């Protein structure tokens, strides 16, 4: 006992306060940790007075205000340049892959029926066999209904208009020269139509007329005045080979009939 007391009296006693350290999941060495400086957002404090006259503190982000104050030049948001981010992709629909695909059990095709089967389905305008709408509504006749019989086939020009245009003797009268004179200005569907000369009026000079067709009165007046007429050939209508063959047979038949009728007529002396 005395030895123990003497040992304790010779050794210096050091008492350190025991601090309570909270438990932490961190298992590493605290001496290895280093402090790194981060990018702090600069803030600006402004004191403004509100409507009641009391001062209020307003905190503004300088970086954000600078970015808003200086937008990218020559860039405007429009409906034509709005779009997803480059490289982004939308997940496509996986139809027929069960409920987990997102389209339900029948994947948007309903429950049974013709439209839920594989294949083309039904055609446009089909109403289940009843009279469809495009057959129930009334139809228009004539040009309004789309008939080609009443549509114009030529660009008509009268003789009095050619006389008033001031053509000199020996000049050519055609669709191009009439356009240059400003006598006609076809537009729309009439741009592709040929020229036809009508007989209203008189012509005092001799001209060379080129047109697709001439009326009977115009032909008589122009031949009497000494004008030269040139009938332009148009684009032939496409016909089936069987129709061409039948037309050739009809021409041959009527030619033989005319020749037989001419031979049977008595010769007058």
C-alpha atoms as a PDB file:
ATOM      1  CA  UNK A   1       0.000   0.000   0.000  1.00  0.00           C
ATOM      2  CA  UNK A   2       2.848   2.293   0.806  1.00  0.00           C
ATOM      3  CA  UNK A   3       4.551   1.414  -2.444  1.00  0.00           C
ATOM      4  CA  UNK A   4       1.524   2.299  -4.352  1.00  0.00           C
ATOM      5  CA  UNK A   5       1.235   5.636  -2.578  1.00  0.00           C
ATOM      6  CA  UNK A   6       4.889   6.461  -3.189  1.00  0.00           C
ATOM      7  CA  UNK A   7       4.597   5.606  -6.882  1.00  0.00           C
ATOM      8  CA  UNK A   8       1.644   7.802  -7.279  1.00  0.00           C
ATOM      9  CA  UNK A   9       3.342  10.644  -5.461  1.00  0.00           C
ATOM     10  CA  UNK A  10       6.518  10.539  -7.592  1.00  0.00           C
ATOM     11  CA  UNK A  11       4.712  10.481 -11.018  1.00  0.00           C
ATOM     12  CA  UNK A  12       3.238  13.769 -12.205  1.00  0.00           C
ATOM     13  CA  UNK A  13      -0.505  13.633 -12.548  1.00  0.00           C
ATOM     14  CA  UNK A  14      -2.094  14.983 -15.804  1.00  0.00           C
ATOM     15  CA  UNK A  15      -5.792  15.249 -16.068  1.00  0.00           C
ATOM     16  CA  UNK A  16      -7.372  15.883 -19.521  1.00  0.00           C
ATOM     17  CA  UNK A  17     -11.011  16.676 -19.796  1.00  0.00           C
ATOM     18  CA  UNK A  18     -12.961  13.896 -21.551  1.00  0.00           C
ATOM     19  CA  UNK A  19     -15.020  15.427 -24.377  1.00  0.00           C
ATOM     20  CA  UNK A  20     -18.058  13.606 -25.671  1.00  0.00           C
ATOM     21  CA  UNK A  21     -17.716  13.015 -29.431  1.00  0.00           C
ATOM     22  CA  UNK A  22     -20.901  12.218 -31.301  1.00  0.00           C
ATOM     23  CA  UNK A  23     -21.027   9.006 -33.313  1.00  0.00           C
ATOM     24  CA  UNK A  24     -20.503   9.412 -37.079  1.00  0.00           C
ATOM     25  CA  UNK A  25     -20.520   6.936 -39.975  1.00  0.00           C
ATOM     26  CA  UNK A  26     -17.226   8.413 -41.219  1.00  0.00           C
ATOM     27  CA  UNK A  27     -14.442   5.788 -40.680  1.00  0.00           C
ATOM     28  CA  UNK A  28     -11.478   7.608 -42.256  1.00  0.00           C
ATOM     29  CA  UNK A  29      -8.723   9.779 -40.835  1.00  0.00           C
ATOM     30  CA  UNK A  30      -9.732  13.353 -40.124  1.00  0.00           C
ATOM     31  CA  UNK A  31      -6.173  14.554 -40.694  1.00  0.00           C
ATOM     32  CA  UNK A  32      -6.359  13.662 -44.409  1.00  0.00           C
ATOM     33  CA  UNK A  33      -9.340  15.904 -45.066  1.00  0.00           C
ATOM     34  CA  UNK A  34      -8.585  19.100 -46.967  1.00  0.00           C
ATOM     35  CA  UNK A  35     -10.644  22.225 -47.360  1.00  0.00           C
ATOM     36  CA  UNK A  36     -11.435  23.163 -50.977  1.00  0.00           C
ATOM     37  CA  UNK A  37     -12.842  26.500 -52.021  1.00  0.00           C
ATOM     38  CA  UNK A  38     -16.008  26.298 -54.097  1.00  0.00           C
ATOM     39  CA  UNK A  39     -17.626  28.686 -56.575  1.00  0.00           C
ATOM     40  CA  UNK A  40     -19.748  31.006 -54.514  1.00  0.00           C
ATOM     41  CA  UNK A  41     -22.530  32.915 -56.216  1.00  0.00           C
ATOM     42  CA  UNK A  42     -22.038  36.656 -55.682  1.00  0.00           C
ATOM     43  CA  UNK A  43     -25.026  38.246 -53.986  1.00  0.00           C
ATOM     44  CA  UNK A  44     -25.909  41.912 -53.795  1.00  0.00           C
ATOM     45  CA  UNK A  45     -27.922  43.459 -51.004  1.00  0.00           C
ATOM     46  CA  UNK A  46     -30.222  46.336 -51.868  1.00  0.00           C
ATOM     47  CA  UNK A  47     -32.366  48.326 -49.471  1.00  0.00           C
ATOM     48  CA  UNK A  48     -35.572  49.497 -51.110  1.00  0.00           C
ATOM     49  CA  UNK A  49     -38.592  51.172 -49.662  1.00  0.00           C
ATOM     50  CA  UNK A  50     -41.938  49.551 -50.332  1.00  0.00           C
ATOM     51  CA  UNK A  51     -45.313  51.221 -50.775  1.00  0.00           C
ATOM     52  CA  UNK A  52     -45.721  51.716 -47.007  1.00  0.00           C
ATOM     53  CA  UNK A  53     -42.430  53.602 -46.757  1.00  0.00           C
ATOM     54  CA  UNK A  54     -40.677  50.889 -44.804  1.00  0.00           C
ATOM     55  CA  UNK A  55     -37.228  49.777 -45.987  1.00  0.00           C
ATOM     56  CA  UNK A  56     -36.986  46.207 -47.271  1.00  0.00           C
ATOM     57  CA  UNK A  57     -33.959  44.090 -48.025  1.00  0.00           C
ATOM     58  CA  UNK A  58     -33.700  42.729 -51.594  1.00  0.00           C
ATOM     59  CA  UNK A  59     -31.105  40.088 -52.431  1.00  0.00           C
ATOM     60  CA  UNK A  60     -30.164  39.823 -56.125  1.00  0.00           C
ATOM     61  CA  UNK A  61     -27.953  37.344 -57.917  1.00  0.00           C
ATOM     62  CA  UNK A  62     -25.353  39.314 -59.865  1.00  0.00           C
ATOM     63  CA  UNK A  63     -24.369  36.391 -62.089  1.00  0.00           C
ATOM     64  CA  UNK A  64     -27.963  35.714 -63.095  1.00  0.00           C
ATOM     65  CA  UNK A  65     -28.701  39.392 -63.722  1.00  0.00           C
ATOM     66  CA  UNK A  66     -25.561  39.689 -65.862  1.00  0.00           C
ATOM     67  CA  UNK A  67     -26.609  36.661 -67.900  1.00  0.00           C
ATOM     68  CA  UNK A  68     -30.090  38.124 -68.437  1.00  0.00           C
ATOM     69  CA  UNK A  69     -28.726  41.575 -69.242  1.00  0.00           C
ATOM     70  CA  UNK A  70     -26.434  40.264 -72.004  1.00  0.00           C
ATOM     71  CA  UNK A  71     -28.301  37.640 -74.041  1.00  0.00           C
ATOM     72  CA  UNK A  72     -26.817  35.886 -77.049  1.00  0.00           C
ATOM     73  CA  UNK A  73     -26.924  38.243 -80.049  1.00  0.00           C
ATOM     74  CA  UNK A  74     -28.999  37.470 -83.183  1.00  0.00           C
ATOM     75  CA  UNK A  75     -30.972  34.705 -81.466  1.00  0.00           C
ATOM     76  CA  UNK A  76     -34.745  34.931 -81.158  1.00  0.00           C
ATOM     77  CA  UNK A  77     -37.072  32.258 -79.921  1.00  0.00           C
ATOM     78  CA  UNK A  78     -39.562  31.321 -82.612  1.00  0.00           C
ATOM     79  CA  UNK A  79     -41.854  28.409 -83.263  1.00  0.00           C
ATOM     80  CA  UNK A  80     -39.524  27.163 -85.996  1.00  0.00           C
ATOM     81  CA  UNK A  81     -36.371  27.056 -83.845  1.00  0.00           C
ATOM     82  CA  UNK A  82     -37.895  25.576 -80.696  1.00  0.00           C
ATOM     83  CA  UNK A  83     -36.992  21.953 -80.167  1.00  0.00           C
ATOM     84  CA  UNK A  84     -35.535  19.426 -77.802  1.00  0.00           C
ATOM     85  CA  UNK A  85     -31.969  19.536 -76.628  1.00  0.00           C
ATOM     86  CA  UNK A  86     -29.414  18.144 -79.111  1.00  0.00           C
ATOM     87  CA  UNK A  87     -28.792  14.510 -78.442  1.00  0.00           C
ATOM     88  CA  UNK A  88     -32.004  13.941 -76.502  1.00  0.00           C
ATOM     89  CA  UNK A  89     -34.280  11.131 -77.601  1.00  0.00           C
ATOM     90  CA  UNK A  90     -37.848  10.342 -76.686  1.00  0.00           C
ATOM     91  CA  UNK A  91     -38.626   6.827 -75.694  1.00  0.00           C
ATOM     92  CA  UNK A  92     -40.685   5.184 -78.428  1.00  0.00           C
ATOM     93  CA  UNK A  93     -43.957   3.381 -77.934  1.00  0.00           C
ATOM     94  CA  UNK A  94     -43.746  -0.411 -77.691  1.00  0.00           C
ATOM     95  CA  UNK A  95     -47.176  -1.487 -78.846  1.00  0.00           C
ATOM     96  CA  UNK A  96     -48.383  -4.986 -78.224  1.00  0.00           C
ATOM     97  CA  UNK A  97     -46.002  -5.615 -75.321  1.00  0.00           C
ATOM     98  CA  UNK A  98     -48.505  -5.890 -72.504  1.00  0.00           C
ATOM     99  CA  UNK A  99     -49.777  -3.555 -69.814  1.00  0.00           C
ATOM    100  CA  UNK A 100     -46.302  -2.561 -68.653  1.00  0.00           C
ATOM    101  CA  UNK A 101     -45.563  -0.876 -72.008  1.00  0.00           C
ATOM    102  CA  UNK A 102     -47.918   1.991 -71.135  1.00  0.00           C
ATOM    103  CA  UNK A 103     -50.690   1.554 -73.727  1.00  0.00           C
ATOM    104  CA  UNK A 104     -52.949  -0.721 -71.717  1.00  0.00           C
ATOM    105  CA  UNK A 105     -53.952  -4.276 -72.370  1.00  0.00           C
ATOM    106  CA  UNK A 106     -55.171  -3.652 -75.950  1.00  0.00           C
ATOM    107  CA  UNK A 107     -52.433  -1.027 -76.695  1.00  0.00           C
ATOM    108  CA  UNK A 108     -54.925   1.555 -77.997  1.00  0.00           C
ATOM    109  CA  UNK A 109     -56.768  -0.610 -80.552  1.00  0.00           C
ATOM    110  CA  UNK A 110     -59.936  -1.178 -78.514  1.00  0.00           C
ATOM    111  CA  UNK A 111     -61.615  -4.448 -77.687  1.00  0.00           C
ATOM    112  CA  UNK A 112     -62.127  -6.747 -80.662  1.00  0.00           C
ATOM    113  CA  UNK A 113     -63.640  -5.744 -83.958  1.00  0.00           C
ATOM    114  CA  UNK A 114     -62.292  -5.210 -87.477  1.00  0.00           C
ATOM    115  CA  UNK A 115     -60.074  -2.249 -86.570  1.00  0.00           C
ATOM    116  CA  UNK A 116     -58.297  -4.161 -83.821  1.00  0.00           C
ATOM    117  CA  UNK A 117     -57.120  -6.921 -86.162  1.00  0.00           C
ATOM    118  CA  UNK A 118     -53.894  -6.901 -88.091  1.00  0.00           C
ATOM    119  CA  UNK A 119     -54.125  -5.751 -91.669  1.00  0.00           C
ATOM    120  CA  UNK A 120     -55.279  -2.640 -93.559  1.00  0.00           C
ATOM    121  CA  UNK A 121     -58.568  -2.123 -91.691  1.00  0.00           C
ATOM    122  CA  UNK A 122     -61.238  -0.142 -93.561  1.00  0.00           C
ATOM    123  CA  UNK A 123     -60.870   2.389 -96.358  1.00  0.00           C
ATOM    124  CA  UNK A 124     -61.381   6.128 -95.985  1.00  0.00           C
ATOM    125  CA  UNK A 125     -64.996   7.245 -96.046  1.00  0.00           C
ATOM    126  CA  UNK A 126     -66.379   3.802 -95.172  1.00  0.00           C
ATOM    127  CA  UNK A 127     -69.335   4.074 -92.787  1.00  0.00           C
ATOM    128  CA  UNK A 128     -70.062   0.453 -92.036  1.00  0.00           C
ATOM    129  CA  UNK A 129     -72.052  -0.214 -95.189  1.00  0.00           C
ATOM    130  CA  UNK A 130     -74.563   2.622 -94.938  1.00  0.00           C
ATOM    131  CA  UNK A 131     -74.762   5.346 -97.577  1.00  0.00           C
ATOM    132  CA  UNK A 132     -71.581   7.410 -97.046  1.00  0.00           C
ATOM    133  CA  UNK A 133     -71.512  11.183 -96.772  1.00  0.00           C
ATOM    134  CA  UNK A 134     -69.919  11.807-100.163  1.00  0.00           C
ATOM    135  CA  UNK A 135     -72.861  10.004-101.791  1.00  0.00           C
ATOM    136  CA  UNK A 136     -75.576  11.579 -99.643  1.00  0.00           C
ATOM    137  CA  UNK A 137     -74.784  15.205-100.478  1.00  0.00           C
ATOM    138  CA  UNK A 138     -76.188  16.740-103.713  1.00  0.00           C
ATOM    139  CA  UNK A 139     -73.951  17.100-106.736  1.00  0.00           C
ATOM    140  CA  UNK A 140     -73.448  20.141-108.961  1.00  0.00           C
ATOM    141  CA  UNK A 141     -73.874  19.992-112.711  1.00  0.00           C
ATOM    142  CA  UNK A 142     -71.936  21.633-115.475  1.00  0.00           C
ATOM    143  CA  UNK A 143     -68.662  23.492-114.947  1.00  0.00           C
ATOM    144  CA  UNK A 144     -69.195  23.771-111.180  1.00  0.00           C
ATOM    145  CA  UNK A 145     -69.417  19.997-110.955  1.00  0.00           C
ATOM    146  CA  UNK A 146     -66.172  19.507-112.862  1.00  0.00           C
ATOM    147  CA  UNK A 147     -67.569  18.678-116.317  1.00  0.00           C
ATOM    148  CA  UNK A 148     -65.135  19.352-119.154  1.00  0.00           C
ATOM    149  CA  UNK A 149     -67.851  20.115-121.724  1.00  0.00           C
ATOM    150  CA  UNK A 150     -68.401  23.698-120.593  1.00  0.00           C
ATOM    151  CA  UNK A 151     -64.793  24.663-119.979  1.00  0.00           C
ATOM    152  CA  UNK A 152     -63.074  27.019-122.453  1.00  0.00           C
ATOM    153  CA  UNK A 153     -60.898  25.261-125.039  1.00  0.00           C
ATOM    154  CA  UNK A 154     -59.396  28.320-126.824  1.00  0.00           C
ATOM    155  CA  UNK A 155     -58.323  31.893-126.234  1.00  0.00           C
ATOM    156  CA  UNK A 156     -60.677  33.779-128.595  1.00  0.00           C
ATOM    157  CA  UNK A 157     -59.622  36.909-130.524  1.00  0.00           C
ATOM    158  CA  UNK A 158     -61.829  38.801-132.976  1.00  0.00           C
ATOM    159  CA  UNK A 159     -60.741  40.443-136.226  1.00  0.00           C
ATOM    160  CA  UNK A 160     -61.660  43.910-134.939  1.00  0.00           C
ATOM    161  CA  UNK A 161     -59.253  43.464-132.017  1.00  0.00           C
ATOM    162  CA  UNK A 162     -56.428  42.500-134.389  1.00  0.00           C
ATOM    163  CA  UNK A 163     -57.208  45.570-136.511  1.00  0.00           C
ATOM    164  CA  UNK A 164     -57.106  47.816-133.425  1.00  0.00           C
ATOM    165  CA  UNK A 165     -53.781  46.329-132.268  1.00  0.00           C
ATOM    166  CA  UNK A 166     -51.969  48.098-135.129  1.00  0.00           C
ATOM    167  CA  UNK A 167     -50.318  45.247-137.012  1.00  0.00           C
ATOM    168  CA  UNK A 168     -48.428  46.280-140.162  1.00  0.00           C
ATOM    169  CA  UNK A 169     -48.877  44.527-143.479  1.00  0.00           C
ATOM    170  CA  UNK A 170     -47.030  41.211-143.727  1.00  0.00           C
ATOM    171  CA  UNK A 171     -46.568  40.765-139.979  1.00  0.00           C
ATOM    172  CA  UNK A 172     -47.295  37.542-138.176  1.00  0.00           C
ATOM    173  CA  UNK A 173     -50.262  37.211-135.860  1.00  0.00           C
ATOM    174  CA  UNK A 174     -49.892  34.430-133.313  1.00  0.00           C
ATOM    175  CA  UNK A 175     -50.413  33.803-129.632  1.00  0.00           C
ATOM    176  CA  UNK A 176     -46.965  35.198-128.796  1.00  0.00           C
ATOM    177  CA  UNK A 177     -47.311  38.402-130.843  1.00  0.00           C
ATOM    178  CA  UNK A 178     -50.756  39.077-129.377  1.00  0.00           C
ATOM    179  CA  UNK A 179     -49.247  38.782-125.881  1.00  0.00           C
ATOM    180  CA  UNK A 180     -46.479  41.222-126.815  1.00  0.00           C
ATOM    181  CA  UNK A 181     -49.045  43.726-128.100  1.00  0.00           C
ATOM    182  CA  UNK A 182     -50.962  43.409-124.824  1.00  0.00           C
ATOM    183  CA  UNK A 183     -54.104  42.327-126.630  1.00  0.00           C
ATOM    184  CA  UNK A 184     -54.485  39.180-124.531  1.00  0.00           C
ATOM    185  CA  UNK A 185     -53.150  38.298-121.108  1.00  0.00           C
ATOM    186  CA  UNK A 186     -54.222  34.751-120.275  1.00  0.00           C
ATOM    187  CA  UNK A 187     -53.889  33.642-116.682  1.00  0.00           C
ATOM    188  CA  UNK A 188     -54.621  30.521-114.707  1.00  0.00           C
ATOM    189  CA  UNK A 189     -55.987  27.694-116.789  1.00  0.00           C
ATOM    190  CA  UNK A 190     -56.028  29.865-119.947  1.00  0.00           C
ATOM    191  CA  UNK A 191     -52.215  29.957-120.089  1.00  0.00           C
ATOM    192  CA  UNK A 192     -52.156  26.522-121.725  1.00  0.00           C
ATOM    193  CA  UNK A 193     -55.045  27.148-124.134  1.00  0.00           C
ATOM    194  CA  UNK A 194     -54.422  27.676-127.892  1.00  0.00           C
ATOM    195  CA  UNK A 195     -55.562  30.603-130.026  1.00  0.00           C
ATOM    196  CA  UNK A 196     -58.774  30.799-132.035  1.00  0.00           C
ATOM    197  CA  UNK A 197     -59.617  33.596-134.500  1.00  0.00           C
ATOM    198  CA  UNK A 198     -63.245  34.744-134.593  1.00  0.00           C
ATOM    199  CA  UNK A 199     -64.932  36.683-137.415  1.00  0.00           C
ATOM    200  CA  UNK A 200     -66.346  39.731-135.626  1.00  0.00           C
ATOM    201  CA  UNK A 201     -65.100  42.817-137.479  1.00  0.00           C
ATOM    202  CA  UNK A 202     -63.035  43.456-140.628  1.00  0.00           C
ATOM    203  CA  UNK A 203     -59.321  43.342-141.427  1.00  0.00           C
ATOM    204  CA  UNK A 204     -57.866  45.898-143.867  1.00  0.00           C
ATOM    205  CA  UNK A 205     -54.246  44.658-144.059  1.00  0.00           C
ATOM    206  CA  UNK A 206     -52.734  41.386-145.239  1.00  0.00           C
ATOM    207  CA  UNK A 207     -51.308  39.390-142.341  1.00  0.00           C
ATOM    208  CA  UNK A 208     -49.930  35.936-141.676  1.00  0.00           C
ATOM    209  CA  UNK A 209     -52.181  34.381-139.066  1.00  0.00           C
ATOM    210  CA  UNK A 210     -51.203  31.279-137.101  1.00  0.00           C
ATOM    211  CA  UNK A 211     -53.807  29.752-134.815  1.00  0.00           C
ATOM    212  CA  UNK A 212     -55.178  26.413-133.752  1.00  0.00           C
ATOM    213  CA  UNK A 213     -58.664  27.112-135.117  1.00  0.00           C
ATOM    214  CA  UNK A 214     -60.551  29.661-137.269  1.00  0.00           C
ATOM    215  CA  UNK A 215     -64.267  30.241-137.300  1.00  0.00           C
ATOM    216  CA  UNK A 216     -66.088  29.891-140.625  1.00  0.00           C
ATOM    217  CA  UNK A 217     -66.827  33.612-140.935  1.00  0.00           C
ATOM    218  CA  UNK A 218     -63.251  34.544-140.007  1.00  0.00           C
ATOM    219  CA  UNK A 219     -61.851  32.102-142.561  1.00  0.00           C
ATOM    220  CA  UNK A 220     -64.022  33.569-145.348  1.00  0.00           C
ATOM    221  CA  UNK A 221     -63.102  37.165-144.525  1.00  0.00           C
ATOM    222  CA  UNK A 222     -59.366  36.454-144.240  1.00  0.00           C
ATOM    223  CA  UNK A 223     -59.227  34.488-147.491  1.00  0.00           C
ATOM    224  CA  UNK A 224     -61.107  37.274-149.255  1.00  0.00           C
ATOM    225  CA  UNK A 225     -58.661  39.896-147.980  1.00  0.00           C
ATOM    226  CA  UNK A 226     -55.639  37.844-149.117  1.00  0.00           C
ATOM    227  CA  UNK A 227     -54.278  36.826-145.687  1.00  0.00           C
ATOM    228  CA  UNK A 228     -52.378  33.588-145.266  1.00  0.00           C
ATOM    229  CA  UNK A 229     -53.803  31.150-142.706  1.00  0.00           C
ATOM    230  CA  UNK A 230     -51.792  28.490-140.882  1.00  0.00           C
ATOM    231  CA  UNK A 231     -53.653  25.947-138.776  1.00  0.00           C
ATOM    232  CA  UNK A 232     -51.379  24.729-136.015  1.00  0.00           C
ATOM    233  CA  UNK A 233     -51.554  21.100-135.029  1.00  0.00           C
ATOM    234  CA  UNK A 234     -52.226  20.444-131.391  1.00  0.00           C
ATOM    235  CA  UNK A 235     -51.267  17.679-129.082  1.00  0.00           C
ATOM    236  CA  UNK A 236     -53.083  14.512-129.975  1.00  0.00           C
ATOM    237  CA  UNK A 237     -55.212  12.925-127.337  1.00  0.00           C
ATOM    238  CA  UNK A 238     -53.947   9.563-126.154  1.00  0.00           C
ATOM    239  CA  UNK A 239     -56.211   6.718-127.151  1.00  0.00           C
ATOM    240  CA  UNK A 240     -56.137   3.006-126.537  1.00  0.00           C
ATOM    241  CA  UNK A 241     -54.759   0.867-129.343  1.00  0.00           C
ATOM    242  CA  UNK A 242     -58.131  -0.842-129.713  1.00  0.00           C
ATOM    243  CA  UNK A 243     -59.869   2.543-130.163  1.00  0.00           C
ATOM    244  CA  UNK A 244     -57.306   3.618-132.788  1.00  0.00           C
ATOM    245  CA  UNK A 245     -57.884   0.371-134.642  1.00  0.00           C
ATOM    246  CA  UNK A 246     -61.654   0.851-134.635  1.00  0.00           C
ATOM    247  CA  UNK A 247     -61.334   4.454-135.857  1.00  0.00           C
ATOM    248  CA  UNK A 248     -59.108   3.344-138.732  1.00  0.00           C
ATOM    249  CA  UNK A 249     -61.613   0.669-139.723  1.00  0.00           C
ATOM    250  CA  UNK A 250     -64.456   3.235-139.626  1.00  0.00           C
ATOM    251  CA  UNK A 251     -62.537   5.657-141.859  1.00  0.00           C
ATOM    252  CA  UNK A 252     -61.808   2.884-144.325  1.00  0.00           C
ATOM    253  CA  UNK A 253     -65.451   1.825-144.369  1.00  0.00           C
ATOM    254  CA  UNK A 254     -66.806   5.349-145.003  1.00  0.00           C
ATOM    255  CA  UNK A 255     -64.125   5.996-147.664  1.00  0.00           C
ATOM    256  CA  UNK A 256     -65.285   2.899-149.580  1.00  0.00           C
ATOM    257  CA  UNK A 257     -68.901   3.954-149.193  1.00  0.00           C
ATOM    258  CA  UNK A 258     -68.187   7.421-150.611  1.00  0.00           C
ATOM    259  CA  UNK A 259     -66.265   5.943-153.530  1.00  0.00           C
ATOM    260  CA  UNK A 260     -69.139   3.560-154.320  1.00  0.00           C
ATOM    261  CA  UNK A 261     -71.669   6.400-154.160  1.00  0.00           C
ATOM    262  CA  UNK A 262     -69.544   8.541-156.482  1.00  0.00           C
ATOM    263  CA  UNK A 263     -69.203   5.700-158.971  1.00  0.00           C
ATOM    264  CA  UNK A 264     -72.934   5.013-159.012  1.00  0.00           C
ATOM    265  CA  UNK A 265     -73.883   8.619-159.804  1.00  0.00           C
ATOM    266  CA  UNK A 266     -74.715   9.194-163.507  1.00  0.00           C
ATOM    267  CA  UNK A 267     -72.277  11.350-165.409  1.00  0.00           C
ATOM    268  CA  UNK A 268     -73.998  14.451-166.805  1.00  0.00           C
ATOM    269  CA  UNK A 269     -73.064  15.353-170.367  1.00  0.00           C
END
